[in-house]
Every structure is written in structure tokens, then in C-alpha cells.
Amino acid sequence: MGEEQKAAGDIPGEFPFCEILMGEQDVMEAMREIPGYLDITPSDFQEVYRHACRHAVRRIMQAAKARDIMTRDVLSVGPDLSAKEVARAMASKGIAGVPVVDAQGLVLGVISEKDFFRLMGASEFPNFMAVVARCLTEKGCVAFPLREKRAKDIMSSPAITVGEETPAVEIARTFTQKRINRVPVVDKDGRIVGIVSRADILKLPFLGG
């Protein structure tokens, strides 16, 4: 297998939308609609489609850079902001993660819902229902221990960041490998200039955008 073929399929997830439910009857009907004779079997047609789809998606994701898809108006918090205020800020914006930056705009870490869940004891299954399950089996609110915490106590650090020229394909790979849903974008001096989420990747042409 050549390097180009390997590259087209090396993104985790294997582009499930390229595995479209295309039956042999669908292919036969399509071939009948095309004038002339096509010297290709339905199964060969399906295989060519899958490979072409993966190459097309990778080409689009390689061409798009972080600066093209990032959200520039970034909500960030300082390291000394209280956990209560961090939670309130995230709730008011309807977001599940926020970067923690210092006075110069340098990214110190990232706080996500999972960080809150982890500190509330939902380490095995870091999600909302795990917290609910713990609340139903214990006395008191499991969030109480967070009242004295600050952003610097909650954040995951060091932060995983990308540069403005990082291709979308690399960002998508980072999401999968690191099991994260967003990544701050920093300039050459390490200062935050934007943020890219999984939703931003999906806005790319061909991926639903």
C-alpha cells in the first residue's frame, strides 16, 4: 500500500459517512441511468466510491487550517476564578469547555465538564448520569467539595493546543487520540487566538457544513 493510500485512511474513525448504505441494486440502477457501457461490477463501484470519498475528505481537511475554522470570540477564564463562576460562565454560554489563560493570554490549561465530573467522584464514567447516580446513593451534594476550588485547581494541564496553521485533519486526529472535544488555538507566542471544537470540524464542506 502506497503512502497516499495509507494517509487517506489513517484518520481515526475511518469516515463512517463514506460507508454509505449503498446496495448492489442501488448501484445497478445508477449504472443503468448512465449512457453507454460501464465495464465495472457493482462491488468494484462500491469500493471505488469508498476510497474516493476518503481521499476527498482528507484533501478538504488537509487544506483547511485551524485559522479557517476556529471560533475567534473565545470565552476564557483566569486561573483564580472560583469554580462556581467558571461553572456559571460555561452554563451561560452553553459550552462544555473553557481555556484557562493568564494575564498575558498564555494558555495554562483547559476545563471541561469531565474535569468537574472527575472532582465530583464520577471518575469511572465521567458524565452527567454518573454524577446523578452518585447523588442518589450518597448524602449531600457531591458538588460541595468544589466550592473552595478555583480554575487552576480544576483545569487539565498542560493544555493541548494547536497553531493557526495546523490542518483540520491533524486536529481531528488529536480529538480522537487524546479523547477531547475542543482545542485552543495559539499564535507563535503561545497566546490564545481562538478555539476549535468537533462541531467546527463538521462544518467543513462535505462533512455537513
N, C-alpha and C. Protein backbone atom coordinates (compact mmCIF):
# COMPACT_ATOMS: atom_id res chain seq x y z
N MET A 1 0.85 -1.19 0.00
CA MET A 1 0.00 0.00 0.00
C MET A 1 0.88 1.24 0.00
N GLY A 2 0.59 2.20 -0.94
CA GLY A 2 1.40 3.40 -1.04
C GLY A 2 1.15 4.36 0.08
N GLU A 3 2.03 5.37 0.20
CA GLU A 3 1.89 6.34 1.29
C GLU A 3 0.60 7.13 1.16
N GLU A 4 0.19 7.46 -0.08
CA GLU A 4 -1.03 8.24 -0.27
C GLU A 4 -2.24 7.44 0.19
N GLN A 5 -2.24 6.11 -0.14
CA GLN A 5 -3.36 5.28 0.27
C GLN A 5 -3.42 5.15 1.77
N LYS A 6 -2.26 5.00 2.42
CA LYS A 6 -2.22 4.89 3.86
C LYS A 6 -2.72 6.17 4.51
N ALA A 7 -2.29 7.31 3.95
CA ALA A 7 -2.67 8.60 4.53
C ALA A 7 -4.17 8.83 4.45
N ALA A 8 -4.79 8.33 3.37
CA ALA A 8 -6.21 8.58 3.18
C ALA A 8 -7.06 7.87 4.21
N GLY A 9 -6.53 6.81 4.80
CA GLY A 9 -7.33 6.08 5.74
C GLY A 9 -6.78 6.08 7.14
N ASP A 10 -5.82 6.97 7.44
CA ASP A 10 -5.17 6.89 8.74
C ASP A 10 -5.81 7.77 9.79
N ILE A 11 -6.93 8.41 9.48
CA ILE A 11 -7.62 9.23 10.46
C ILE A 11 -8.57 8.35 11.25
N PRO A 12 -8.44 8.35 12.56
CA PRO A 12 -9.33 7.51 13.36
C PRO A 12 -10.79 7.80 13.04
N GLY A 13 -11.58 6.75 13.00
CA GLY A 13 -12.99 6.91 12.69
C GLY A 13 -13.32 6.42 11.30
N GLU A 14 -12.30 6.44 10.40
CA GLU A 14 -12.47 5.89 9.05
C GLU A 14 -13.65 6.49 8.29
N PHE A 15 -14.03 7.74 8.61
CA PHE A 15 -15.07 8.44 7.87
C PHE A 15 -16.31 7.57 7.69
N PRO A 16 -17.07 7.34 8.75
CA PRO A 16 -18.23 6.45 8.65
C PRO A 16 -19.23 6.86 7.59
N PHE A 17 -19.30 8.18 7.27
CA PHE A 17 -20.25 8.61 6.25
C PHE A 17 -19.83 8.15 4.87
N CYS A 18 -18.58 7.68 4.71
CA CYS A 18 -18.14 7.11 3.43
C CYS A 18 -18.65 5.68 3.27
N GLU A 19 -19.08 5.08 4.39
CA GLU A 19 -19.62 3.72 4.34
C GLU A 19 -21.13 3.80 4.15
N ILE A 20 -21.54 4.54 3.15
CA ILE A 20 -22.95 4.77 2.90
C ILE A 20 -23.65 3.45 2.58
N LEU A 21 -24.91 3.34 3.00
CA LEU A 21 -25.66 2.10 2.76
C LEU A 21 -26.06 2.04 1.29
N MET A 22 -25.11 1.60 0.47
CA MET A 22 -25.32 1.52 -0.97
C MET A 22 -25.36 0.05 -1.37
N GLY A 23 -26.56 -0.44 -1.63
CA GLY A 23 -26.70 -1.84 -2.01
C GLY A 23 -26.40 -2.08 -3.47
N GLU A 24 -26.27 -3.33 -3.84
CA GLU A 24 -25.96 -3.68 -5.23
C GLU A 24 -27.06 -3.22 -6.16
N GLN A 25 -28.32 -3.29 -5.70
CA GLN A 25 -29.43 -2.85 -6.53
C GLN A 25 -29.35 -1.35 -6.80
N ASP A 26 -28.91 -0.58 -5.79
CA ASP A 26 -28.75 0.87 -5.97
C ASP A 26 -27.72 1.15 -7.05
N VAL A 27 -26.61 0.41 -7.00
CA VAL A 27 -25.55 0.61 -7.99
C VAL A 27 -26.03 0.23 -9.38
N MET A 28 -26.75 -0.86 -9.50
CA MET A 28 -27.25 -1.30 -10.80
C MET A 28 -28.18 -0.25 -11.40
N GLU A 29 -29.06 0.31 -10.56
CA GLU A 29 -29.98 1.34 -11.04
C GLU A 29 -29.22 2.58 -11.51
N ALA A 30 -28.18 2.95 -10.75
CA ALA A 30 -27.38 4.12 -11.12
C ALA A 30 -26.64 3.89 -12.43
N MET A 31 -26.11 2.69 -12.61
CA MET A 31 -25.37 2.38 -13.84
C MET A 31 -26.28 2.38 -15.06
N ARG A 32 -27.54 1.98 -14.86
CA ARG A 32 -28.49 1.99 -15.98
C ARG A 32 -28.82 3.42 -16.41
N GLU A 33 -28.71 4.37 -15.48
CA GLU A 33 -29.04 5.76 -15.78
C GLU A 33 -27.92 6.47 -16.54
N ILE A 34 -26.72 5.88 -16.54
CA ILE A 34 -25.59 6.49 -17.22
C ILE A 34 -25.50 5.96 -18.65
N PRO A 35 -25.54 6.86 -19.65
CA PRO A 35 -25.48 6.41 -21.05
C PRO A 35 -24.19 5.63 -21.34
N GLY A 36 -24.28 4.65 -22.19
CA GLY A 36 -23.09 3.89 -22.57
C GLY A 36 -22.88 2.70 -21.66
N TYR A 37 -21.79 1.99 -21.95
CA TYR A 37 -21.48 0.76 -21.21
C TYR A 37 -20.38 1.03 -20.18
N LEU A 38 -20.63 0.62 -18.94
CA LEU A 38 -19.64 0.77 -17.88
C LEU A 38 -19.05 -0.60 -17.56
N ASP A 39 -17.76 -0.74 -17.79
CA ASP A 39 -17.09 -2.02 -17.56
C ASP A 39 -16.61 -2.11 -16.11
N ILE A 40 -17.57 -2.21 -15.20
CA ILE A 40 -17.24 -2.27 -13.78
C ILE A 40 -18.37 -3.00 -13.05
N THR A 41 -18.01 -3.80 -12.08
CA THR A 41 -19.01 -4.54 -11.33
C THR A 41 -19.56 -3.66 -10.21
N PRO A 42 -20.77 -3.95 -9.73
CA PRO A 42 -21.32 -3.17 -8.61
C PRO A 42 -20.41 -3.15 -7.39
N SER A 43 -19.79 -4.28 -7.06
CA SER A 43 -18.90 -4.32 -5.90
C SER A 43 -17.66 -3.47 -6.12
N ASP A 44 -17.14 -3.45 -7.36
CA ASP A 44 -15.99 -2.59 -7.66
C ASP A 44 -16.39 -1.12 -7.54
N PHE A 45 -17.60 -0.81 -8.01
CA PHE A 45 -18.09 0.56 -7.92
C PHE A 45 -18.15 1.01 -6.46
N GLN A 46 -18.68 0.16 -5.59
CA GLN A 46 -18.78 0.48 -4.17
C GLN A 46 -17.40 0.71 -3.55
N GLU A 47 -16.45 -0.12 -3.92
CA GLU A 47 -15.09 0.01 -3.38
C GLU A 47 -14.43 1.29 -3.85
N VAL A 48 -14.59 1.63 -5.13
CA VAL A 48 -14.03 2.87 -5.66
C VAL A 48 -14.64 4.07 -4.95
N TYR A 49 -15.96 4.02 -4.71
CA TYR A 49 -16.62 5.13 -4.03
C TYR A 49 -16.04 5.34 -2.64
N ARG A 50 -15.88 4.27 -1.87
CA ARG A 50 -15.36 4.40 -0.51
C ARG A 50 -13.98 5.03 -0.50
N HIS A 51 -13.12 4.57 -1.40
CA HIS A 51 -11.75 5.12 -1.44
C HIS A 51 -11.76 6.57 -1.90
N ALA A 52 -12.57 6.88 -2.92
CA ALA A 52 -12.63 8.25 -3.42
C ALA A 52 -13.16 9.19 -2.35
N CYS A 53 -14.17 8.72 -1.61
CA CYS A 53 -14.75 9.53 -0.53
C CYS A 53 -13.70 9.85 0.52
N ARG A 54 -12.93 8.87 0.95
CA ARG A 54 -11.91 9.09 1.97
C ARG A 54 -10.84 10.07 1.49
N HIS A 55 -10.43 9.92 0.23
CA HIS A 55 -9.43 10.84 -0.32
C HIS A 55 -9.97 12.27 -0.38
N ALA A 56 -11.23 12.40 -0.79
CA ALA A 56 -11.83 13.73 -0.89
C ALA A 56 -11.92 14.39 0.48
N VAL A 57 -12.35 13.63 1.49
CA VAL A 57 -12.47 14.18 2.83
C VAL A 57 -11.11 14.59 3.37
N ARG A 58 -10.11 13.74 3.16
CA ARG A 58 -8.79 14.06 3.68
C ARG A 58 -8.21 15.29 2.97
N ARG A 59 -8.48 15.43 1.67
CA ARG A 59 -7.99 16.60 0.93
C ARG A 59 -8.60 17.88 1.50
N ILE A 60 -9.90 17.84 1.76
CA ILE A 60 -10.58 19.01 2.33
C ILE A 60 -10.03 19.34 3.71
N MET A 61 -9.85 18.30 4.53
CA MET A 61 -9.39 18.51 5.90
C MET A 61 -7.92 18.90 5.96
N GLN A 62 -7.15 18.54 4.95
CA GLN A 62 -5.75 18.94 4.91
C GLN A 62 -5.62 20.40 4.48
N ALA A 63 -6.52 20.82 3.59
CA ALA A 63 -6.47 22.20 3.08
C ALA A 63 -6.95 23.20 4.12
N ALA A 64 -7.94 22.82 4.92
CA ALA A 64 -8.48 23.73 5.93
C ALA A 64 -7.54 23.80 7.13
N LYS A 65 -7.22 25.00 7.57
CA LYS A 65 -6.34 25.20 8.72
C LYS A 65 -7.15 25.65 9.93
N ALA A 66 -6.52 25.58 11.07
CA ALA A 66 -7.19 26.00 12.31
C ALA A 66 -7.74 27.41 12.20
N ARG A 67 -6.97 28.32 11.60
CA ARG A 67 -7.40 29.72 11.49
C ARG A 67 -8.66 29.87 10.64
N ASP A 68 -8.93 28.88 9.75
CA ASP A 68 -10.10 28.96 8.88
C ASP A 68 -11.38 28.51 9.56
N ILE A 69 -11.26 27.67 10.56
CA ILE A 69 -12.46 27.07 11.15
C ILE A 69 -12.65 27.42 12.63
N MET A 70 -11.66 28.06 13.25
CA MET A 70 -11.75 28.32 14.68
C MET A 70 -12.77 29.40 15.03
N THR A 71 -13.26 29.33 16.24
CA THR A 71 -14.10 30.38 16.80
C THR A 71 -13.17 31.41 17.42
N ARG A 72 -13.27 32.66 16.98
CA ARG A 72 -12.33 33.69 17.43
C ARG A 72 -12.77 34.36 18.73
N ASP A 73 -14.07 34.42 18.93
CA ASP A 73 -14.59 35.04 20.15
C ASP A 73 -14.60 33.97 21.24
N VAL A 74 -13.49 33.83 21.93
CA VAL A 74 -13.32 32.73 22.87
C VAL A 74 -13.62 33.17 24.30
N LEU A 75 -14.46 32.37 24.96
CA LEU A 75 -14.67 32.59 26.40
C LEU A 75 -13.51 31.90 27.12
N SER A 76 -12.76 32.66 27.89
CA SER A 76 -11.67 32.09 28.68
C SER A 76 -11.80 32.58 30.12
N VAL A 77 -11.14 31.91 31.03
CA VAL A 77 -11.20 32.30 32.44
C VAL A 77 -9.79 32.40 33.01
N GLY A 78 -9.66 33.17 34.07
CA GLY A 78 -8.38 33.30 34.74
C GLY A 78 -8.18 32.16 35.73
N PRO A 79 -6.95 31.89 36.11
CA PRO A 79 -6.65 30.76 37.00
C PRO A 79 -7.23 30.88 38.40
N ASP A 80 -7.51 32.11 38.84
CA ASP A 80 -8.02 32.29 40.19
C ASP A 80 -9.54 32.45 40.27
N LEU A 81 -10.23 32.31 39.14
CA LEU A 81 -11.68 32.40 39.16
C LEU A 81 -12.24 31.19 39.93
N SER A 82 -13.27 31.43 40.72
CA SER A 82 -13.84 30.35 41.52
C SER A 82 -14.52 29.31 40.63
N ALA A 83 -14.60 28.09 41.15
CA ALA A 83 -15.26 27.01 40.41
C ALA A 83 -16.71 27.39 40.11
N LYS A 84 -17.36 28.06 41.07
CA LYS A 84 -18.74 28.47 40.88
C LYS A 84 -18.88 29.41 39.69
N GLU A 85 -17.97 30.37 39.58
CA GLU A 85 -18.03 31.33 38.49
C GLU A 85 -17.68 30.68 37.16
N VAL A 86 -16.75 29.73 37.18
CA VAL A 86 -16.41 29.01 35.95
C VAL A 86 -17.63 28.24 35.46
N ALA A 87 -18.28 27.52 36.37
CA ALA A 87 -19.47 26.75 36.01
C ALA A 87 -20.57 27.66 35.49
N ARG A 88 -20.74 28.80 36.14
CA ARG A 88 -21.78 29.75 35.73
C ARG A 88 -21.47 30.31 34.34
N ALA A 89 -20.22 30.61 34.07
CA ALA A 89 -19.83 31.14 32.76
C ALA A 89 -20.07 30.12 31.66
N MET A 90 -19.69 28.87 31.92
CA MET A 90 -19.90 27.81 30.93
C MET A 90 -21.38 27.58 30.69
N ALA A 91 -22.17 27.61 31.76
CA ALA A 91 -23.61 27.39 31.64
C ALA A 91 -24.28 28.52 30.85
N SER A 92 -23.85 29.75 31.10
CA SER A 92 -24.48 30.89 30.43
C SER A 92 -24.22 30.90 28.93
N LYS A 93 -23.07 30.35 28.53
CA LYS A 93 -22.71 30.30 27.11
C LYS A 93 -23.11 28.98 26.46
N GLY A 94 -23.54 28.02 27.28
CA GLY A 94 -23.94 26.72 26.75
C GLY A 94 -22.78 25.95 26.16
N ILE A 95 -21.60 26.07 26.79
CA ILE A 95 -20.42 25.37 26.28
C ILE A 95 -19.95 24.34 27.31
N ALA A 96 -19.21 23.35 26.83
CA ALA A 96 -18.78 22.26 27.69
C ALA A 96 -17.29 22.32 28.03
N GLY A 97 -16.61 23.40 27.61
CA GLY A 97 -15.20 23.52 27.92
C GLY A 97 -14.73 24.95 27.78
N VAL A 98 -13.70 25.30 28.55
CA VAL A 98 -13.19 26.67 28.52
C VAL A 98 -11.69 26.67 28.82
N PRO A 99 -10.90 27.44 28.05
CA PRO A 99 -9.47 27.53 28.34
C PRO A 99 -9.19 28.43 29.54
N VAL A 100 -8.15 28.11 30.27
CA VAL A 100 -7.69 28.94 31.39
C VAL A 100 -6.43 29.66 30.92
N VAL A 101 -6.45 31.00 30.99
CA VAL A 101 -5.32 31.78 30.49
C VAL A 101 -4.83 32.75 31.56
N ASP A 102 -3.56 33.13 31.44
CA ASP A 102 -3.01 34.11 32.39
C ASP A 102 -3.24 35.52 31.87
N ALA A 103 -2.69 36.50 32.55
CA ALA A 103 -2.92 37.90 32.19
C ALA A 103 -2.38 38.26 30.81
N GLN A 104 -1.39 37.49 30.33
CA GLN A 104 -0.81 37.74 29.01
C GLN A 104 -1.51 36.97 27.89
N GLY A 105 -2.52 36.18 28.26
CA GLY A 105 -3.22 35.41 27.24
C GLY A 105 -2.62 34.06 26.97
N LEU A 106 -1.62 33.65 27.76
CA LEU A 106 -1.00 32.34 27.57
C LEU A 106 -1.90 31.27 28.16
N VAL A 107 -2.06 30.18 27.43
CA VAL A 107 -2.95 29.10 27.85
C VAL A 107 -2.28 28.25 28.93
N LEU A 108 -2.92 28.18 30.09
CA LEU A 108 -2.38 27.41 31.21
C LEU A 108 -2.99 26.01 31.29
N GLY A 109 -4.23 25.90 30.84
CA GLY A 109 -4.93 24.63 30.91
C GLY A 109 -6.30 24.75 30.29
N VAL A 110 -7.07 23.70 30.38
CA VAL A 110 -8.43 23.68 29.84
C VAL A 110 -9.34 23.02 30.87
N ILE A 111 -10.51 23.59 31.07
CA ILE A 111 -11.51 23.00 31.95
C ILE A 111 -12.66 22.49 31.10
N SER A 112 -13.04 21.25 31.28
CA SER A 112 -14.18 20.68 30.58
C SER A 112 -15.16 20.12 31.59
N GLU A 113 -16.32 19.74 31.12
CA GLU A 113 -17.30 19.12 32.00
C GLU A 113 -16.71 17.89 32.70
N LYS A 114 -15.85 17.18 31.97
CA LYS A 114 -15.25 15.96 32.54
C LYS A 114 -14.41 16.28 33.77
N ASP A 115 -13.79 17.46 33.79
CA ASP A 115 -12.99 17.84 34.95
C ASP A 115 -13.88 18.04 36.18
N PHE A 116 -15.04 18.64 35.96
CA PHE A 116 -16.00 18.79 37.06
C PHE A 116 -16.50 17.42 37.52
N PHE A 117 -16.86 16.58 36.54
CA PHE A 117 -17.36 15.25 36.87
C PHE A 117 -16.33 14.45 37.68
N ARG A 118 -15.07 14.57 37.25
CA ARG A 118 -14.00 13.83 37.92
C ARG A 118 -13.88 14.24 39.38
N LEU A 119 -13.94 15.53 39.64
CA LEU A 119 -13.81 16.03 41.00
C LEU A 119 -15.07 15.76 41.85
N MET A 120 -16.16 15.42 41.16
CA MET A 120 -17.37 15.06 41.89
C MET A 120 -17.49 13.56 42.06
N GLY A 121 -16.41 12.86 41.77
CA GLY A 121 -16.37 11.42 42.01
C GLY A 121 -16.81 10.54 40.87
N ALA A 122 -17.14 11.13 39.73
CA ALA A 122 -17.57 10.33 38.58
C ALA A 122 -16.38 10.00 37.69
N SER A 123 -15.39 9.33 38.27
CA SER A 123 -14.17 9.06 37.53
C SER A 123 -14.29 7.87 36.59
N GLU A 124 -15.11 6.87 36.97
CA GLU A 124 -15.24 5.69 36.12
C GLU A 124 -16.05 5.99 34.87
N PHE A 125 -17.16 6.70 35.04
CA PHE A 125 -17.98 7.11 33.91
C PHE A 125 -18.17 8.62 34.00
N PRO A 126 -17.24 9.40 33.45
CA PRO A 126 -17.29 10.86 33.60
C PRO A 126 -18.38 11.52 32.76
N ASN A 127 -19.62 11.40 33.22
CA ASN A 127 -20.72 12.03 32.51
C ASN A 127 -21.79 12.44 33.52
N PHE A 128 -22.79 13.15 33.03
CA PHE A 128 -23.81 13.71 33.90
C PHE A 128 -24.55 12.63 34.69
N MET A 129 -24.92 11.53 34.03
CA MET A 129 -25.69 10.50 34.71
C MET A 129 -24.87 9.80 35.79
N ALA A 130 -23.54 9.77 35.64
CA ALA A 130 -22.70 9.20 36.70
C ALA A 130 -22.78 10.06 37.95
N VAL A 131 -22.83 11.37 37.76
CA VAL A 131 -22.96 12.29 38.89
C VAL A 131 -24.33 12.12 39.54
N VAL A 132 -25.37 11.99 38.71
CA VAL A 132 -26.72 11.78 39.24
C VAL A 132 -26.76 10.49 40.06
N ALA A 133 -26.16 9.43 39.54
CA ALA A 133 -26.15 8.15 40.25
C ALA A 133 -25.46 8.28 41.60
N ARG A 134 -24.37 9.04 41.63
CA ARG A 134 -23.65 9.22 42.91
C ARG A 134 -24.49 10.05 43.88
N CYS A 135 -25.16 11.08 43.34
CA CYS A 135 -26.01 11.91 44.20
C CYS A 135 -27.14 11.09 44.84
N LEU A 136 -27.65 10.11 44.09
CA LEU A 136 -28.76 9.30 44.57
C LEU A 136 -28.34 8.25 45.59
N THR A 137 -27.05 8.01 45.70
CA THR A 137 -26.58 6.98 46.63
C THR A 137 -25.84 7.55 47.83
N GLU A 138 -25.58 8.87 47.80
CA GLU A 138 -24.84 9.49 48.91
C GLU A 138 -25.63 10.65 49.50
N LYS A 139 -25.32 10.99 50.73
CA LYS A 139 -25.96 12.12 51.38
C LYS A 139 -25.26 13.41 50.97
N GLY A 140 -26.02 14.46 50.79
CA GLY A 140 -25.44 15.74 50.45
C GLY A 140 -25.14 15.86 48.97
N CYS A 141 -24.73 17.03 48.57
CA CYS A 141 -24.41 17.29 47.17
C CYS A 141 -22.94 17.01 46.90
N VAL A 142 -22.68 16.19 45.88
CA VAL A 142 -21.29 15.83 45.57
C VAL A 142 -20.52 17.01 45.00
N ALA A 143 -21.22 18.11 44.67
CA ALA A 143 -20.54 19.29 44.14
C ALA A 143 -19.99 20.18 45.25
N PHE A 144 -20.42 19.94 46.50
CA PHE A 144 -19.98 20.80 47.60
C PHE A 144 -18.46 20.91 47.73
N PRO A 145 -17.70 19.83 47.55
CA PRO A 145 -16.24 19.95 47.67
C PRO A 145 -15.61 20.93 46.67
N LEU A 146 -16.35 21.28 45.63
CA LEU A 146 -15.82 22.20 44.62
C LEU A 146 -15.95 23.66 45.01
N ARG A 147 -16.71 23.93 46.08
CA ARG A 147 -16.97 25.32 46.43
C ARG A 147 -15.71 26.12 46.73
N GLU A 148 -14.69 25.45 47.24
CA GLU A 148 -13.45 26.15 47.59
C GLU A 148 -12.40 26.06 46.48
N LYS A 149 -12.76 25.41 45.38
CA LYS A 149 -11.81 25.23 44.29
C LYS A 149 -11.80 26.45 43.37
N ARG A 150 -10.66 26.62 42.70
CA ARG A 150 -10.53 27.67 41.69
C ARG A 150 -10.17 27.02 40.36
N ALA A 151 -10.20 27.84 39.29
CA ALA A 151 -9.97 27.30 37.95
C ALA A 151 -8.66 26.51 37.87
N LYS A 152 -7.61 27.04 38.52
CA LYS A 152 -6.31 26.36 38.47
C LYS A 152 -6.32 25.01 39.16
N ASP A 153 -7.29 24.79 40.05
CA ASP A 153 -7.40 23.51 40.75
C ASP A 153 -8.16 22.48 39.93
N ILE A 154 -8.97 22.94 39.01
CA ILE A 154 -9.84 22.07 38.24
C ILE A 154 -9.27 21.71 36.88
N MET A 155 -8.56 22.64 36.28
CA MET A 155 -8.13 22.50 34.89
C MET A 155 -7.22 21.31 34.65
N SER A 156 -7.28 20.81 33.42
CA SER A 156 -6.34 19.81 32.95
C SER A 156 -5.15 20.55 32.37
N SER A 157 -3.97 20.20 32.83
CA SER A 157 -2.76 20.93 32.42
C SER A 157 -1.59 19.95 32.32
N PRO A 158 -0.66 20.18 31.37
CA PRO A 158 -0.63 21.29 30.41
C PRO A 158 -1.71 21.12 29.34
N ALA A 159 -2.13 22.24 28.80
CA ALA A 159 -3.19 22.22 27.79
C ALA A 159 -2.66 21.69 26.47
N ILE A 160 -3.52 20.97 25.78
CA ILE A 160 -3.21 20.55 24.41
C ILE A 160 -3.65 21.69 23.51
N THR A 161 -2.73 22.24 22.74
CA THR A 161 -3.04 23.36 21.86
C THR A 161 -2.58 23.07 20.44
N VAL A 162 -3.05 23.88 19.49
CA VAL A 162 -2.61 23.79 18.10
C VAL A 162 -2.28 25.18 17.61
N GLY A 163 -1.51 25.26 16.54
CA GLY A 163 -1.18 26.53 15.93
C GLY A 163 -2.22 26.93 14.90
N GLU A 164 -2.15 28.17 14.46
CA GLU A 164 -3.12 28.67 13.49
C GLU A 164 -3.05 27.95 12.15
N GLU A 165 -1.88 27.39 11.82
CA GLU A 165 -1.69 26.72 10.53
C GLU A 165 -1.89 25.21 10.62
N THR A 166 -2.28 24.70 11.77
CA THR A 166 -2.48 23.27 11.92
C THR A 166 -3.64 22.81 11.05
N PRO A 167 -3.43 21.80 10.19
CA PRO A 167 -4.52 21.31 9.33
C PRO A 167 -5.66 20.70 10.14
N ALA A 168 -6.86 20.82 9.63
CA ALA A 168 -8.03 20.26 10.30
C ALA A 168 -7.89 18.76 10.48
N VAL A 169 -7.21 18.10 9.54
CA VAL A 169 -7.04 16.65 9.63
C VAL A 169 -6.24 16.28 10.87
N GLU A 170 -5.25 17.09 11.22
CA GLU A 170 -4.44 16.82 12.41
C GLU A 170 -5.24 17.11 13.69
N ILE A 171 -6.07 18.15 13.62
CA ILE A 171 -6.91 18.47 14.78
C ILE A 171 -7.89 17.34 15.04
N ALA A 172 -8.50 16.81 13.98
CA ALA A 172 -9.45 15.69 14.13
C ALA A 172 -8.75 14.48 14.73
N ARG A 173 -7.52 14.23 14.30
CA ARG A 173 -6.76 13.10 14.84
C ARG A 173 -6.46 13.33 16.33
N THR A 174 -6.14 14.56 16.68
CA THR A 174 -5.86 14.89 18.09
C THR A 174 -7.09 14.66 18.95
N PHE A 175 -8.25 15.07 18.46
CA PHE A 175 -9.50 14.85 19.19
C PHE A 175 -9.69 13.38 19.54
N THR A 176 -9.43 12.54 18.55
CA THR A 176 -9.64 11.10 18.75
C THR A 176 -8.57 10.49 19.66
N GLN A 177 -7.32 10.82 19.40
CA GLN A 177 -6.22 10.22 20.16
C GLN A 177 -6.21 10.68 21.61
N LYS A 178 -6.53 11.95 21.85
CA LYS A 178 -6.49 12.50 23.21
C LYS A 178 -7.85 12.44 23.90
N ARG A 179 -8.88 12.02 23.17
CA ARG A 179 -10.23 11.93 23.72
C ARG A 179 -10.72 13.27 24.27
N ILE A 180 -10.55 14.28 23.45
CA ILE A 180 -11.01 15.62 23.81
C ILE A 180 -11.96 16.13 22.73
N ASN A 181 -12.70 17.19 23.05
CA ASN A 181 -13.70 17.70 22.10
C ASN A 181 -13.41 19.11 21.61
N ARG A 182 -12.36 19.74 22.16
CA ARG A 182 -12.02 21.10 21.73
C ARG A 182 -10.55 21.33 22.02
N VAL A 183 -9.97 22.28 21.30
CA VAL A 183 -8.55 22.56 21.50
C VAL A 183 -8.30 24.06 21.25
N PRO A 184 -7.62 24.74 22.17
CA PRO A 184 -7.30 26.16 21.96
C PRO A 184 -6.31 26.33 20.81
N VAL A 185 -6.48 27.42 20.08
CA VAL A 185 -5.54 27.77 19.01
C VAL A 185 -4.69 28.93 19.51
N VAL A 186 -3.37 28.78 19.39
CA VAL A 186 -2.46 29.81 19.90
C VAL A 186 -1.59 30.36 18.77
N ASP A 187 -1.13 31.60 18.97
CA ASP A 187 -0.22 32.19 17.98
C ASP A 187 1.21 31.72 18.26
N LYS A 188 2.17 32.26 17.53
CA LYS A 188 3.56 31.81 17.66
C LYS A 188 4.14 32.11 19.04
N ASP A 189 3.51 33.03 19.77
CA ASP A 189 3.98 33.36 21.12
C ASP A 189 3.24 32.58 22.20
N GLY A 190 2.32 31.70 21.77
CA GLY A 190 1.59 30.89 22.74
C GLY A 190 0.34 31.54 23.30
N ARG A 191 -0.05 32.70 22.74
CA ARG A 191 -1.24 33.40 23.22
C ARG A 191 -2.48 32.90 22.49
N ILE A 192 -3.56 32.78 23.20
CA ILE A 192 -4.79 32.24 22.62
C ILE A 192 -5.38 33.20 21.59
N VAL A 193 -5.78 32.65 20.44
CA VAL A 193 -6.40 33.45 19.39
C VAL A 193 -7.73 32.85 18.94
N GLY A 194 -8.04 31.65 19.42
CA GLY A 194 -9.29 31.02 19.03
C GLY A 194 -9.42 29.64 19.65
N ILE A 195 -10.46 28.94 19.27
CA ILE A 195 -10.67 27.58 19.76
C ILE A 195 -11.39 26.79 18.67
N VAL A 196 -11.02 25.52 18.54
CA VAL A 196 -11.66 24.65 17.55
C VAL A 196 -12.33 23.50 18.29
N SER A 197 -13.58 23.24 17.96
CA SER A 197 -14.32 22.13 18.56
C SER A 197 -14.64 21.10 17.48
N ARG A 198 -15.15 19.96 17.90
CA ARG A 198 -15.57 18.95 16.93
C ARG A 198 -16.64 19.51 16.00
N ALA A 199 -17.50 20.35 16.54
CA ALA A 199 -18.56 20.95 15.72
C ALA A 199 -17.97 21.80 14.60
N ASP A 200 -16.86 22.48 14.86
CA ASP A 200 -16.22 23.29 13.83
C ASP A 200 -15.69 22.41 12.70
N ILE A 201 -15.16 21.24 13.04
CA ILE A 201 -14.67 20.31 12.02
C ILE A 201 -15.83 19.87 11.13
N LEU A 202 -16.97 19.60 11.74
CA LEU A 202 -18.12 19.10 11.00
C LEU A 202 -18.76 20.16 10.09
N LYS A 203 -18.35 21.43 10.28
CA LYS A 203 -18.88 22.49 9.41
C LYS A 203 -18.17 22.55 8.08
N LEU A 204 -17.08 21.78 7.94
CA LEU A 204 -16.34 21.79 6.68
C LEU A 204 -17.21 21.24 5.56
N PRO A 205 -17.02 21.75 4.32
CA PRO A 205 -17.77 21.20 3.18
C PRO A 205 -17.55 19.70 3.10
N PHE A 206 -18.57 18.96 2.74
CA PHE A 206 -18.53 17.51 2.59
C PHE A 206 -18.79 16.81 3.93
N LEU A 207 -18.50 17.51 5.04
CA LEU A 207 -18.72 16.89 6.34
C LEU A 207 -20.02 17.34 6.97
N GLY A 208 -20.81 18.07 6.23
CA GLY A 208 -22.10 18.51 6.74
C GLY A 208 -22.23 20.00 6.80
N GLY A 209 -21.12 20.75 6.53
CA GLY A 209 -21.18 22.20 6.60
C GLY A 209 -21.63 22.82 5.32
